[in-house]
N, C-alpha and C. Protein backbone atom coordinates (compact mmCIF):
# COMPACT_ATOMS: atom_id res chain seq x y z
N MET A 1 0.94 -1.09 -0.15
CA MET A 1 -0.15 0.08 -0.02
C MET A 1 0.94 1.19 -0.01
N THR A 2 0.40 2.01 -0.95
CA THR A 2 1.49 3.42 -0.83
C THR A 2 0.83 4.46 0.04
N GLN A 3 1.84 4.96 0.81
CA GLN A 3 1.75 5.87 1.74
C GLN A 3 2.55 7.17 1.29
N THR A 4 2.16 8.26 2.15
CA THR A 4 2.91 9.56 1.92
C THR A 4 3.53 10.01 3.19
N VAL A 5 4.37 10.90 3.13
CA VAL A 5 5.08 11.49 4.30
C VAL A 5 5.34 12.93 4.08
N ALA A 6 5.12 13.67 4.79
CA ALA A 6 5.51 15.21 4.55
C ALA A 6 6.89 15.41 4.94
N LEU A 7 7.29 16.44 4.05
CA LEU A 7 8.99 16.84 4.21
C LEU A 7 8.97 18.18 4.48
N PRO A 8 10.10 18.95 4.78
CA PRO A 8 10.05 20.26 4.92
C PRO A 8 9.92 21.15 3.59
N GLY A 9 8.95 22.16 3.76
CA GLY A 9 8.97 23.18 2.58
C GLY A 9 7.70 22.66 1.59
N GLY A 10 7.00 21.93 2.51
CA GLY A 10 5.48 21.53 1.90
C GLY A 10 5.54 20.62 0.89
N ARG A 11 6.88 19.68 0.96
CA ARG A 11 7.09 18.71 -0.03
C ARG A 11 6.28 17.45 0.54
N THR A 12 6.46 16.39 -0.53
CA THR A 12 5.90 15.13 0.08
C THR A 12 6.60 13.92 -0.61
N ALA A 13 6.54 13.02 -0.07
CA ALA A 13 7.29 11.45 -0.32
C ALA A 13 6.53 10.61 -0.37
N SER A 14 6.11 9.85 -1.44
CA SER A 14 5.37 8.58 -1.30
C SER A 14 6.41 7.30 -1.46
N TYR A 15 6.00 6.24 -0.70
CA TYR A 15 6.64 5.17 -0.10
C TYR A 15 5.77 4.04 0.29
N GLU A 16 6.48 2.62 -0.15
CA GLU A 16 5.57 1.62 0.37
C GLU A 16 6.50 0.92 1.51
N VAL A 17 6.07 -0.07 2.09
CA VAL A 17 6.96 -1.04 3.17
C VAL A 17 6.68 -2.44 2.89
N ILE A 18 7.80 -3.15 2.70
CA ILE A 18 7.64 -4.55 2.46
C ILE A 18 8.42 -5.44 3.52
N GLY A 19 8.02 -6.31 4.14
CA GLY A 19 8.84 -7.12 5.11
C GLY A 19 8.83 -7.09 6.28
N SER A 20 9.63 -7.51 6.85
CA SER A 20 9.93 -7.16 8.61
C SER A 20 11.46 -7.43 8.68
N GLY A 21 12.01 -6.96 9.75
CA GLY A 21 13.42 -7.15 10.22
C GLY A 21 14.11 -5.85 10.31
N ARG A 22 15.24 -5.93 9.69
CA ARG A 22 16.18 -4.67 9.94
C ARG A 22 15.68 -3.79 8.89
N PRO A 23 15.66 -2.13 9.14
CA PRO A 23 14.96 -1.27 8.22
C PRO A 23 16.06 -1.21 7.30
N ALA A 24 15.67 -1.11 5.91
CA ALA A 24 16.22 -0.80 4.70
C ALA A 24 15.67 0.04 4.01
N LEU A 25 16.32 0.56 3.16
CA LEU A 25 16.04 1.87 1.97
C LEU A 25 16.42 1.13 0.74
N MET A 26 15.57 0.84 -0.38
CA MET A 26 15.67 0.37 -1.62
C MET A 26 15.68 1.16 -2.68
N PHE A 27 16.61 1.62 -3.31
CA PHE A 27 16.90 2.88 -4.53
C PHE A 27 16.92 2.06 -5.88
N ALA A 28 15.76 2.68 -6.53
CA ALA A 28 15.42 2.21 -8.00
C ALA A 28 16.34 2.93 -8.76
N GLY A 29 16.64 1.86 -9.81
CA GLY A 29 17.45 2.26 -10.82
C GLY A 29 16.61 3.84 -11.77
N GLY A 30 17.49 4.10 -12.83
CA GLY A 30 16.79 5.01 -13.83
C GLY A 30 18.07 6.06 -14.06
N PRO A 31 18.16 7.45 -13.89
CA PRO A 31 16.97 7.90 -12.70
C PRO A 31 15.54 7.89 -13.39
N GLY A 32 14.49 8.16 -12.56
CA GLY A 32 13.27 8.29 -13.16
C GLY A 32 12.34 6.67 -12.94
N PHE A 33 12.77 5.81 -12.55
CA PHE A 33 11.84 4.72 -12.31
C PHE A 33 11.45 4.99 -10.70
N SER A 34 10.04 4.70 -10.91
CA SER A 34 9.25 4.40 -9.52
C SER A 34 9.92 3.52 -8.74
N ALA A 35 9.74 3.52 -7.08
CA ALA A 35 10.20 2.40 -6.41
C ALA A 35 9.69 1.01 -6.56
N ALA A 36 8.48 0.95 -7.22
CA ALA A 36 8.01 -0.44 -7.54
C ALA A 36 8.99 -0.99 -8.19
N TYR A 37 9.86 -0.44 -8.92
CA TYR A 37 10.98 -1.43 -9.78
C TYR A 37 11.72 -2.13 -8.57
N MET A 38 11.74 -1.90 -7.39
CA MET A 38 12.68 -3.06 -6.59
C MET A 38 11.73 -3.82 -5.74
N ASN A 39 10.25 -3.88 -6.10
CA ASN A 39 9.25 -4.69 -5.36
C ASN A 39 9.56 -6.27 -5.41
N GLY A 40 10.14 -6.91 -6.37
CA GLY A 40 10.52 -8.27 -6.25
C GLY A 40 11.52 -8.40 -5.46
N ASP A 41 12.85 -7.42 -5.41
CA ASP A 41 13.89 -7.58 -4.41
C ASP A 41 13.46 -7.50 -2.99
N ALA A 42 12.59 -6.54 -2.76
CA ALA A 42 11.87 -6.47 -1.29
C ALA A 42 11.24 -7.66 -0.86
N GLU A 43 10.41 -8.09 -1.87
CA GLU A 43 9.74 -9.56 -1.49
C GLU A 43 10.66 -10.67 -1.09
N LEU A 44 11.78 -10.82 -1.95
CA LEU A 44 12.71 -11.85 -1.98
C LEU A 44 13.49 -11.69 -0.23
N LEU A 45 13.72 -10.49 0.10
CA LEU A 45 14.44 -10.43 1.14
C LEU A 45 13.40 -10.02 2.35
N SER A 46 12.07 -10.25 2.28
CA SER A 46 11.15 -9.79 3.14
C SER A 46 11.41 -10.44 4.48
N ASP A 47 11.89 -11.74 4.57
CA ASP A 47 11.86 -12.08 6.11
C ASP A 47 13.09 -11.56 7.01
N ALA A 48 14.00 -10.94 6.11
CA ALA A 48 15.48 -10.19 6.82
C ALA A 48 15.32 -8.72 6.67
N LEU A 49 14.61 -8.26 6.21
CA LEU A 49 14.34 -6.79 6.11
C LEU A 49 13.15 -6.16 5.78
N CYS A 50 12.86 -5.08 6.44
CA CYS A 50 11.60 -4.09 6.26
C CYS A 50 12.01 -3.10 5.43
N SER A 51 11.65 -3.38 4.25
CA SER A 51 12.21 -2.43 3.12
C SER A 51 11.31 -1.14 3.00
N TYR A 52 11.78 -0.06 2.63
CA TYR A 52 11.07 1.09 2.65
C TYR A 52 11.32 1.49 0.96
N LEU A 53 10.37 1.40 0.16
CA LEU A 53 10.47 1.76 -1.27
C LEU A 53 10.06 2.95 -1.37
N ILE A 54 10.83 4.12 -1.63
CA ILE A 54 10.57 5.33 -1.54
C ILE A 54 10.50 5.96 -3.06
N ASP A 55 9.48 6.31 -3.72
CA ASP A 55 9.27 6.82 -5.13
C ASP A 55 10.34 8.18 -4.89
N PRO A 56 11.67 8.19 -5.82
CA PRO A 56 12.31 9.01 -6.02
C PRO A 56 11.77 10.54 -6.17
N HIS A 57 12.34 11.68 -5.71
CA HIS A 57 11.79 13.00 -5.92
C HIS A 57 11.19 13.16 -7.32
N GLY A 58 10.31 13.48 -7.89
CA GLY A 58 9.77 13.65 -9.24
C GLY A 58 9.11 12.46 -9.55
N CYS A 59 8.83 11.38 -9.06
CA CYS A 59 8.04 10.19 -9.44
C CYS A 59 7.04 9.80 -8.31
N GLY A 60 5.86 9.12 -8.99
CA GLY A 60 4.56 9.00 -7.86
C GLY A 60 3.94 10.05 -7.31
N LEU A 61 4.17 10.22 -6.02
CA LEU A 61 3.68 11.42 -5.34
C LEU A 61 4.51 12.12 -4.64
N SER A 62 6.24 11.56 -4.84
CA SER A 62 7.01 12.47 -4.45
C SER A 62 7.43 13.89 -5.33
N THR A 63 7.37 14.92 -4.60
CA THR A 63 7.60 16.23 -5.13
C THR A 63 8.96 16.34 -5.70
N PRO A 64 8.75 16.66 -7.19
CA PRO A 64 10.10 17.06 -7.92
C PRO A 64 11.01 18.05 -7.24
N PRO A 65 12.36 17.92 -7.33
CA PRO A 65 13.34 19.03 -6.55
C PRO A 65 12.98 20.20 -7.28
N ALA A 66 13.36 21.33 -6.43
CA ALA A 66 12.97 22.67 -7.00
C ALA A 66 14.30 23.00 -7.84
N ASN A 67 15.32 22.20 -7.82
CA ASN A 67 16.53 22.66 -8.63
C ASN A 67 16.89 21.07 -9.37
N PRO A 68 16.42 21.23 -10.92
CA PRO A 68 16.91 19.91 -11.68
C PRO A 68 18.39 19.39 -11.29
N ALA A 69 19.18 20.14 -11.01
CA ALA A 69 20.43 19.65 -10.51
C ALA A 69 20.43 18.42 -9.25
N ASP A 70 19.60 18.60 -8.83
CA ASP A 70 19.09 17.47 -7.40
C ASP A 70 18.77 16.33 -8.12
N TYR A 71 18.48 15.88 -9.50
CA TYR A 71 18.50 14.69 -10.01
C TYR A 71 19.63 13.87 -10.01
N SER A 72 20.84 14.35 -9.49
CA SER A 72 21.88 13.88 -9.48
C SER A 72 22.02 12.69 -8.28
N ALA A 73 22.87 12.00 -8.34
CA ALA A 73 23.15 11.00 -6.98
C ALA A 73 23.31 11.36 -5.93
N GLU A 74 23.75 12.52 -5.61
CA GLU A 74 23.91 13.08 -4.30
C GLU A 74 22.67 13.80 -4.16
N GLY A 75 21.78 14.58 -4.97
CA GLY A 75 20.30 15.06 -4.91
C GLY A 75 19.71 13.81 -4.18
N HIS A 76 19.58 12.79 -5.00
CA HIS A 76 18.82 11.70 -4.57
C HIS A 76 19.10 11.23 -3.03
N ALA A 77 20.43 11.08 -2.87
CA ALA A 77 20.95 10.59 -1.52
C ALA A 77 20.44 11.60 -0.40
N ARG A 78 20.46 12.79 -0.69
CA ARG A 78 19.82 13.93 0.41
C ARG A 78 18.43 13.86 0.55
N PHE A 79 17.66 13.57 -0.65
CA PHE A 79 16.33 13.48 -0.74
C PHE A 79 15.96 12.07 0.23
N TYR A 80 16.73 10.98 0.05
CA TYR A 80 16.12 9.92 0.82
C TYR A 80 16.56 10.01 2.12
N GLU A 81 17.55 10.66 2.75
CA GLU A 81 17.98 11.12 4.03
C GLU A 81 16.99 11.80 4.74
N GLU A 82 16.27 12.58 3.98
CA GLU A 82 15.27 13.81 4.32
C GLU A 82 13.94 12.84 4.69
N VAL A 83 13.85 11.88 3.87
CA VAL A 83 12.51 10.90 3.79
C VAL A 83 12.75 9.98 5.30
N ARG A 84 14.12 9.44 5.45
CA ARG A 84 14.74 8.42 6.74
C ARG A 84 14.35 9.30 7.86
N GLN A 85 14.65 10.63 8.01
CA GLN A 85 14.52 11.54 9.10
C GLN A 85 12.81 11.64 9.08
N ALA A 86 12.07 12.14 8.04
CA ALA A 86 10.68 12.26 8.36
C ALA A 86 10.06 11.12 8.86
N LEU A 87 10.61 9.93 8.58
CA LEU A 87 9.86 8.84 9.21
C LEU A 87 10.25 8.14 10.04
N ALA A 88 11.22 8.86 10.80
CA ALA A 88 11.97 8.51 12.28
C ALA A 88 12.39 7.14 12.17
N LEU A 89 13.16 6.87 11.19
CA LEU A 89 13.73 5.65 11.02
C LEU A 89 15.31 5.53 11.64
N PRO A 90 15.66 4.46 12.32
CA PRO A 90 16.97 4.37 12.91
C PRO A 90 18.03 4.30 11.47
N PRO A 91 19.12 3.90 11.77
CA PRO A 91 20.10 3.82 10.75
C PRO A 91 19.68 2.50 9.95
N VAL A 92 19.76 2.61 8.72
CA VAL A 92 19.47 1.44 7.69
C VAL A 92 20.42 0.90 6.88
N VAL A 93 19.98 -0.14 6.20
CA VAL A 93 20.73 -0.85 5.19
C VAL A 93 19.87 -0.24 4.07
N VAL A 94 21.14 0.14 3.11
CA VAL A 94 20.85 0.68 1.75
C VAL A 94 21.16 -0.14 0.74
N MET A 95 20.23 -0.16 -0.32
CA MET A 95 20.37 -1.22 -1.38
C MET A 95 19.90 -0.49 -2.47
N GLY A 96 20.45 -0.94 -3.80
CA GLY A 96 20.32 -0.17 -5.16
C GLY A 96 20.56 -0.93 -6.25
N HIS A 97 20.28 -0.79 -7.39
CA HIS A 97 20.72 -1.41 -8.51
C HIS A 97 20.81 -0.27 -9.62
N SER A 98 21.93 -0.28 -10.48
CA SER A 98 22.09 0.59 -11.46
C SER A 98 22.20 2.10 -10.79
N PHE A 99 21.68 3.05 -11.21
CA PHE A 99 21.45 4.21 -10.87
C PHE A 99 21.24 4.30 -9.26
N GLY A 100 20.41 3.36 -8.90
CA GLY A 100 19.71 3.22 -7.63
C GLY A 100 21.13 2.77 -6.62
N ALA A 101 22.10 1.85 -7.37
CA ALA A 101 23.35 1.30 -6.56
C ALA A 101 24.09 2.43 -6.44
N THR A 102 24.42 3.59 -7.43
CA THR A 102 25.16 4.52 -7.50
C THR A 102 24.65 5.44 -6.36
N THR A 103 23.21 5.56 -6.22
CA THR A 103 22.85 6.53 -5.18
C THR A 103 23.10 5.80 -3.89
N ALA A 104 22.85 4.39 -3.72
CA ALA A 104 23.36 3.65 -2.49
C ALA A 104 24.72 4.15 -1.85
N LEU A 105 25.69 3.77 -2.89
CA LEU A 105 27.29 4.17 -2.56
C LEU A 105 27.19 5.92 -2.17
N THR A 106 26.60 6.71 -2.69
CA THR A 106 26.69 8.07 -2.46
C THR A 106 26.00 8.34 -0.94
N TYR A 107 24.92 7.53 -0.87
CA TYR A 107 24.34 7.67 0.46
C TYR A 107 25.23 7.25 1.54
N ALA A 108 25.77 6.12 1.18
CA ALA A 108 26.46 5.36 2.40
C ALA A 108 27.84 6.60 2.53
N ALA A 109 28.44 7.16 1.60
CA ALA A 109 29.52 7.92 1.80
C ALA A 109 29.17 9.56 2.28
N LEU A 110 27.84 9.90 2.18
CA LEU A 110 27.36 11.26 2.56
C LEU A 110 27.02 11.00 4.22
N PHE A 111 26.27 9.97 4.32
CA PHE A 111 25.79 9.40 5.68
C PHE A 111 26.00 8.14 6.39
N PRO A 112 27.36 8.14 6.56
CA PRO A 112 28.13 6.98 7.17
C PRO A 112 27.33 6.62 8.57
N HIS A 113 26.97 7.31 9.21
CA HIS A 113 26.51 7.10 10.61
C HIS A 113 25.01 6.89 10.53
N ARG A 114 24.52 6.69 9.29
CA ARG A 114 22.96 6.86 9.16
C ARG A 114 22.90 5.15 8.16
N THR A 115 24.00 4.67 8.10
CA THR A 115 24.26 3.29 7.03
C THR A 115 24.75 2.25 8.12
N THR A 116 24.04 1.19 8.03
CA THR A 116 24.47 -0.12 8.68
C THR A 116 25.17 -0.89 7.62
N ALA A 117 24.66 -0.92 6.62
CA ALA A 117 25.19 -1.80 5.50
C ALA A 117 24.70 -1.01 4.11
N CYS A 118 25.77 -1.46 3.26
CA CYS A 118 25.39 -1.05 1.86
C CYS A 118 25.51 -2.13 0.56
N VAL A 119 24.36 -2.48 -0.32
CA VAL A 119 24.41 -3.46 -1.41
C VAL A 119 24.21 -2.59 -2.37
N ALA A 120 25.21 -2.48 -3.42
CA ALA A 120 25.19 -1.72 -4.79
C ALA A 120 25.30 -2.90 -5.69
N VAL A 121 24.21 -3.18 -6.60
CA VAL A 121 24.43 -3.92 -7.96
C VAL A 121 24.40 -3.06 -9.19
N ALA A 122 25.55 -3.56 -9.78
CA ALA A 122 25.78 -2.83 -11.16
C ALA A 122 25.75 -1.39 -11.07
N ALA A 123 26.46 -0.60 -9.99
CA ALA A 123 26.75 1.04 -9.78
C ALA A 123 27.54 1.08 -11.07
N PHE A 124 27.59 2.30 -11.18
CA PHE A 124 28.57 3.06 -12.30
C PHE A 124 28.97 4.45 -11.69
N GLY A 125 29.81 4.91 -12.33
CA GLY A 125 30.50 6.37 -12.05
C GLY A 125 29.89 7.42 -12.87
N ILE A 126 29.50 8.53 -12.24
CA ILE A 126 29.16 9.50 -13.32
C ILE A 126 29.66 10.69 -12.90
N GLY A 127 29.55 11.84 -13.68
CA GLY A 127 30.04 13.33 -13.45
C GLY A 127 31.71 13.36 -13.68
N PRO A 128 32.26 14.68 -13.85
CA PRO A 128 33.57 14.65 -14.09
C PRO A 128 34.34 14.05 -13.30
N ASP A 129 34.18 13.54 -12.20
CA ASP A 129 35.36 13.02 -11.42
C ASP A 129 35.56 11.69 -11.70
N THR A 130 34.72 11.27 -12.50
CA THR A 130 35.11 9.71 -12.80
C THR A 130 36.33 9.69 -13.50
N ASP A 131 36.99 8.36 -13.51
CA ASP A 131 38.36 8.02 -13.94
C ASP A 131 38.33 8.31 -15.35
N ALA A 132 39.07 9.60 -15.81
CA ALA A 132 39.11 9.87 -17.22
C ALA A 132 40.17 9.11 -17.93
N GLN A 133 41.08 8.48 -17.30
CA GLN A 133 42.06 7.49 -18.10
C GLN A 133 41.53 6.20 -18.42
N ASN A 134 40.66 5.84 -17.66
CA ASN A 134 39.69 4.51 -18.45
C ASN A 134 38.53 4.80 -18.92
N ALA A 135 38.02 5.90 -19.14
CA ALA A 135 36.62 6.22 -19.54
C ALA A 135 36.52 5.85 -20.77
N GLY A 136 37.62 6.09 -21.96
CA GLY A 136 37.75 5.65 -23.07
C GLY A 136 37.41 4.02 -23.34
N GLU A 137 38.34 3.51 -22.74
CA GLU A 137 38.27 1.97 -22.85
C GLU A 137 36.82 1.44 -22.42
N ALA A 138 36.27 2.03 -21.32
CA ALA A 138 34.85 1.76 -20.81
C ALA A 138 33.97 1.91 -21.77
N GLU A 139 33.79 3.30 -22.40
CA GLU A 139 33.01 3.78 -23.76
C GLU A 139 32.94 2.73 -24.93
N ASP A 140 34.53 2.56 -25.28
CA ASP A 140 34.63 1.43 -26.30
C ASP A 140 34.13 0.06 -25.98
N GLU A 141 34.60 -0.38 -24.80
CA GLU A 141 33.76 -1.78 -24.86
C GLU A 141 32.07 -1.72 -24.61
N MET A 142 31.53 -0.68 -24.05
CA MET A 142 30.17 -0.32 -24.22
C MET A 142 29.56 -0.40 -25.71
N GLU A 143 30.42 0.03 -26.28
CA GLU A 143 30.01 0.49 -27.81
C GLU A 143 29.92 -1.04 -28.61
N ALA A 144 30.89 -1.66 -28.30
CA ALA A 144 31.16 -2.99 -28.93
C ALA A 144 30.00 -4.19 -28.50
N LEU A 145 29.43 -3.87 -26.98
CA LEU A 145 28.25 -4.64 -26.46
C LEU A 145 27.40 -4.21 -27.24
N LEU A 146 26.73 -3.08 -27.45
CA LEU A 146 25.79 -2.61 -28.14
C LEU A 146 25.66 -3.11 -29.52
N ALA A 147 27.02 -2.47 -30.38
CA ALA A 147 27.05 -2.79 -31.52
C ALA A 147 26.83 -4.70 -32.23
N ARG A 148 27.08 -5.59 -31.30
CA ARG A 148 27.24 -6.67 -31.70
C ARG A 148 25.60 -7.05 -31.97
N HIS A 149 24.64 -6.31 -31.67
CA HIS A 149 23.44 -6.64 -31.97
C HIS A 149 22.73 -5.71 -33.14
N ALA A 150 23.93 -4.97 -34.08
CA ALA A 150 23.28 -4.23 -34.87
C ALA A 150 22.47 -4.96 -36.10
N GLY A 151 22.58 -6.24 -36.42
CA GLY A 151 22.10 -6.86 -37.10
C GLY A 151 20.61 -7.59 -36.98
N SER A 152 20.36 -7.28 -35.35
CA SER A 152 19.05 -7.56 -35.04
C SER A 152 17.67 -6.60 -35.50
N PRO A 153 16.72 -7.23 -35.62
CA PRO A 153 15.46 -6.26 -36.03
C PRO A 153 15.16 -5.30 -35.16
N TRP A 154 15.04 -5.56 -33.89
CA TRP A 154 14.78 -4.38 -32.86
C TRP A 154 16.08 -3.32 -32.93
N TYR A 155 17.02 -3.51 -33.22
CA TYR A 155 18.25 -2.71 -32.81
C TYR A 155 17.86 -0.96 -33.32
N SER A 156 17.39 -1.17 -34.47
CA SER A 156 17.37 0.61 -35.05
C SER A 156 16.17 1.24 -34.19
N SER A 157 15.42 0.43 -33.41
CA SER A 157 14.71 1.35 -32.43
C SER A 157 14.81 1.55 -31.23
N ALA A 158 15.85 0.40 -30.85
CA ALA A 158 16.29 0.19 -29.21
C ALA A 158 17.50 1.40 -29.18
N ARG A 159 18.43 1.36 -30.29
CA ARG A 159 19.69 2.26 -30.03
C ARG A 159 19.45 3.72 -29.91
N PRO A 160 18.41 4.29 -30.40
CA PRO A 160 18.36 5.86 -30.23
C PRO A 160 17.78 5.91 -28.72
N VAL A 161 17.29 4.98 -28.41
CA VAL A 161 16.58 5.09 -26.90
C VAL A 161 17.55 5.05 -25.87
N MET A 162 18.40 4.07 -26.30
CA MET A 162 19.72 3.76 -25.28
C MET A 162 20.44 5.10 -25.50
N ASP A 163 20.63 5.37 -26.50
CA ASP A 163 21.67 6.60 -26.62
C ASP A 163 21.24 7.96 -25.74
N SER A 164 20.10 7.98 -25.56
CA SER A 164 19.46 9.26 -25.29
C SER A 164 18.65 9.08 -24.00
N TRP A 165 19.06 7.84 -23.41
CA TRP A 165 18.46 7.43 -22.01
C TRP A 165 17.97 8.36 -21.19
N THR A 166 18.87 8.90 -20.50
CA THR A 166 18.80 9.79 -19.25
C THR A 166 18.03 10.97 -19.74
N GLU A 167 18.49 11.61 -20.95
CA GLU A 167 17.59 12.94 -21.18
C GLU A 167 15.85 12.50 -21.58
N ARG A 168 16.00 11.33 -22.05
CA ARG A 168 14.61 11.10 -22.36
C ARG A 168 13.71 10.78 -21.16
N LEU A 169 14.23 9.92 -20.15
CA LEU A 169 13.82 9.32 -19.04
C LEU A 169 13.24 10.84 -18.23
N LEU A 170 14.29 11.76 -17.79
CA LEU A 170 13.80 13.02 -17.11
C LEU A 170 12.91 13.84 -17.81
N ALA A 171 12.63 13.53 -18.90
CA ALA A 171 11.90 14.48 -19.94
C ALA A 171 10.41 14.11 -19.63
N ALA A 172 10.35 12.67 -19.47
CA ALA A 172 8.81 11.78 -19.63
C ALA A 172 8.25 11.92 -18.38
N THR A 173 6.58 12.24 -18.53
CA THR A 173 5.75 12.61 -17.45
C THR A 173 4.93 11.35 -17.25
N ASP A 174 4.95 10.56 -18.27
CA ASP A 174 3.73 9.19 -18.23
C ASP A 174 4.72 8.00 -17.71
N PRO A 175 4.29 7.44 -16.48
CA PRO A 175 5.10 6.20 -16.39
C PRO A 175 4.85 5.17 -17.44
N ALA A 176 3.93 5.14 -18.19
CA ALA A 176 3.66 4.46 -19.30
C ALA A 176 5.07 4.50 -20.16
N GLU A 177 5.34 5.77 -20.58
CA GLU A 177 6.23 5.93 -21.42
C GLU A 177 7.80 5.39 -20.95
N MET A 178 8.14 5.45 -19.79
CA MET A 178 9.13 4.72 -18.97
C MET A 178 9.27 3.50 -19.34
N GLU A 179 7.85 2.69 -18.96
CA GLU A 179 7.80 1.28 -19.21
C GLU A 179 8.31 0.94 -20.53
N GLN A 180 7.85 1.56 -21.47
CA GLN A 180 7.90 1.33 -22.89
C GLN A 180 9.25 1.70 -23.32
N MET A 181 9.96 2.70 -22.62
CA MET A 181 11.32 2.66 -22.78
C MET A 181 12.23 1.78 -22.59
N MET A 182 11.99 0.97 -21.39
CA MET A 182 12.68 -0.06 -20.58
C MET A 182 12.47 -1.28 -21.51
N ALA A 183 11.57 -1.76 -21.85
CA ALA A 183 10.95 -2.81 -22.70
C ALA A 183 11.74 -2.57 -24.18
N THR A 184 11.87 -1.51 -24.74
CA THR A 184 12.36 -1.30 -26.11
C THR A 184 14.01 -1.73 -25.81
N VAL A 185 14.62 -1.14 -24.88
CA VAL A 185 16.19 -1.50 -24.60
C VAL A 185 16.51 -2.69 -23.91
N LEU A 186 15.21 -3.49 -23.13
CA LEU A 186 15.73 -4.62 -22.82
C LEU A 186 16.71 -5.76 -23.43
N PRO A 187 16.27 -6.07 -24.74
CA PRO A 187 17.29 -6.88 -25.43
C PRO A 187 18.73 -6.63 -24.98
N PHE A 188 19.36 -5.33 -25.01
CA PHE A 188 20.73 -5.04 -24.84
C PHE A 188 21.06 -5.80 -23.59
N TYR A 189 20.08 -5.69 -22.59
CA TYR A 189 20.69 -6.67 -21.26
C TYR A 189 20.41 -7.95 -21.28
N LEU A 190 20.18 -8.72 -22.34
CA LEU A 190 20.38 -10.11 -22.61
C LEU A 190 21.48 -10.60 -23.18
N ALA A 191 21.95 -11.64 -22.94
CA ALA A 191 22.97 -12.38 -23.59
C ALA A 191 22.72 -12.74 -25.12
N GLU A 192 21.37 -13.40 -25.11
CA GLU A 192 21.12 -13.90 -26.36
C GLU A 192 19.57 -13.59 -26.90
N PRO A 193 19.20 -12.12 -26.93
CA PRO A 193 18.09 -11.97 -27.10
C PRO A 193 17.19 -12.52 -28.39
N ASP A 194 18.09 -12.76 -29.35
CA ASP A 194 17.13 -12.95 -30.47
C ASP A 194 16.62 -14.57 -30.29
N LYS A 195 17.25 -15.48 -29.29
CA LYS A 195 16.67 -16.68 -29.28
C LYS A 195 15.25 -16.72 -29.22
N PRO A 196 14.37 -17.49 -29.87
CA PRO A 196 13.27 -17.96 -29.86
C PRO A 196 12.67 -17.99 -28.45
N GLU A 197 12.93 -18.58 -27.56
CA GLU A 197 12.43 -18.82 -26.20
C GLU A 197 12.84 -17.67 -25.23
N VAL A 198 13.90 -16.88 -25.82
CA VAL A 198 14.22 -15.56 -24.88
C VAL A 198 13.33 -14.60 -25.44
N ALA A 199 13.25 -14.42 -26.88
CA ALA A 199 12.24 -13.31 -27.50
C ALA A 199 10.71 -13.48 -26.85
N ALA A 200 10.37 -14.79 -26.83
CA ALA A 200 9.03 -15.17 -26.43
C ALA A 200 8.65 -14.75 -25.03
N ASP A 201 9.68 -14.71 -24.18
CA ASP A 201 9.46 -14.34 -22.88
C ASP A 201 9.89 -12.71 -22.36
N SER A 202 10.37 -11.91 -23.72
CA SER A 202 10.40 -10.42 -23.56
C SER A 202 9.07 -9.60 -23.71
N PRO A 203 9.06 -8.68 -22.70
CA PRO A 203 7.73 -7.67 -23.29
C PRO A 203 7.84 -7.21 -24.61
N SER A 204 6.65 -7.16 -25.43
CA SER A 204 6.69 -6.62 -26.83
C SER A 204 6.53 -5.22 -26.53
């Protein structure tokens, strides 16, 4: 059940609680995905963790940030800490996937005394302080991974979405648009997306 909590400045955050045990904050990927992105993970760990799935600011019923710069990992981490305080939660486990994993690492770095453990799955570095020496190698590797699917029938529609992912996601106003974007690029995340049995299980 989705609930809301009031934040300073007349803002609101929406969230759902799943499970029992140690309090945890679970951060969705994106940026731009709702907290429901992590429902399956929360259910899987429900015997050990009481997970708070908080909609990122600008998603669900969570108020967008006044400054677009706060869509950064640091801005998300500060938002989640505001929500933790508003909910009067003790120090928490933080977990996330993709951009949510980067946010989890950022949260743990900014608020070490509020973090009891940190789990980051598929985190990535962003911004000017990332390792410039290896950035070119990583970019070339990513390009090779994407280009290996160039002969697939879905590539011509999926590649533009992947290349403009962040800009399009932040500009989206309809959750259905975000879901369609994810469905379009999903084959890039699969080892053999063109196998008939894999394609049959993928969302159309």
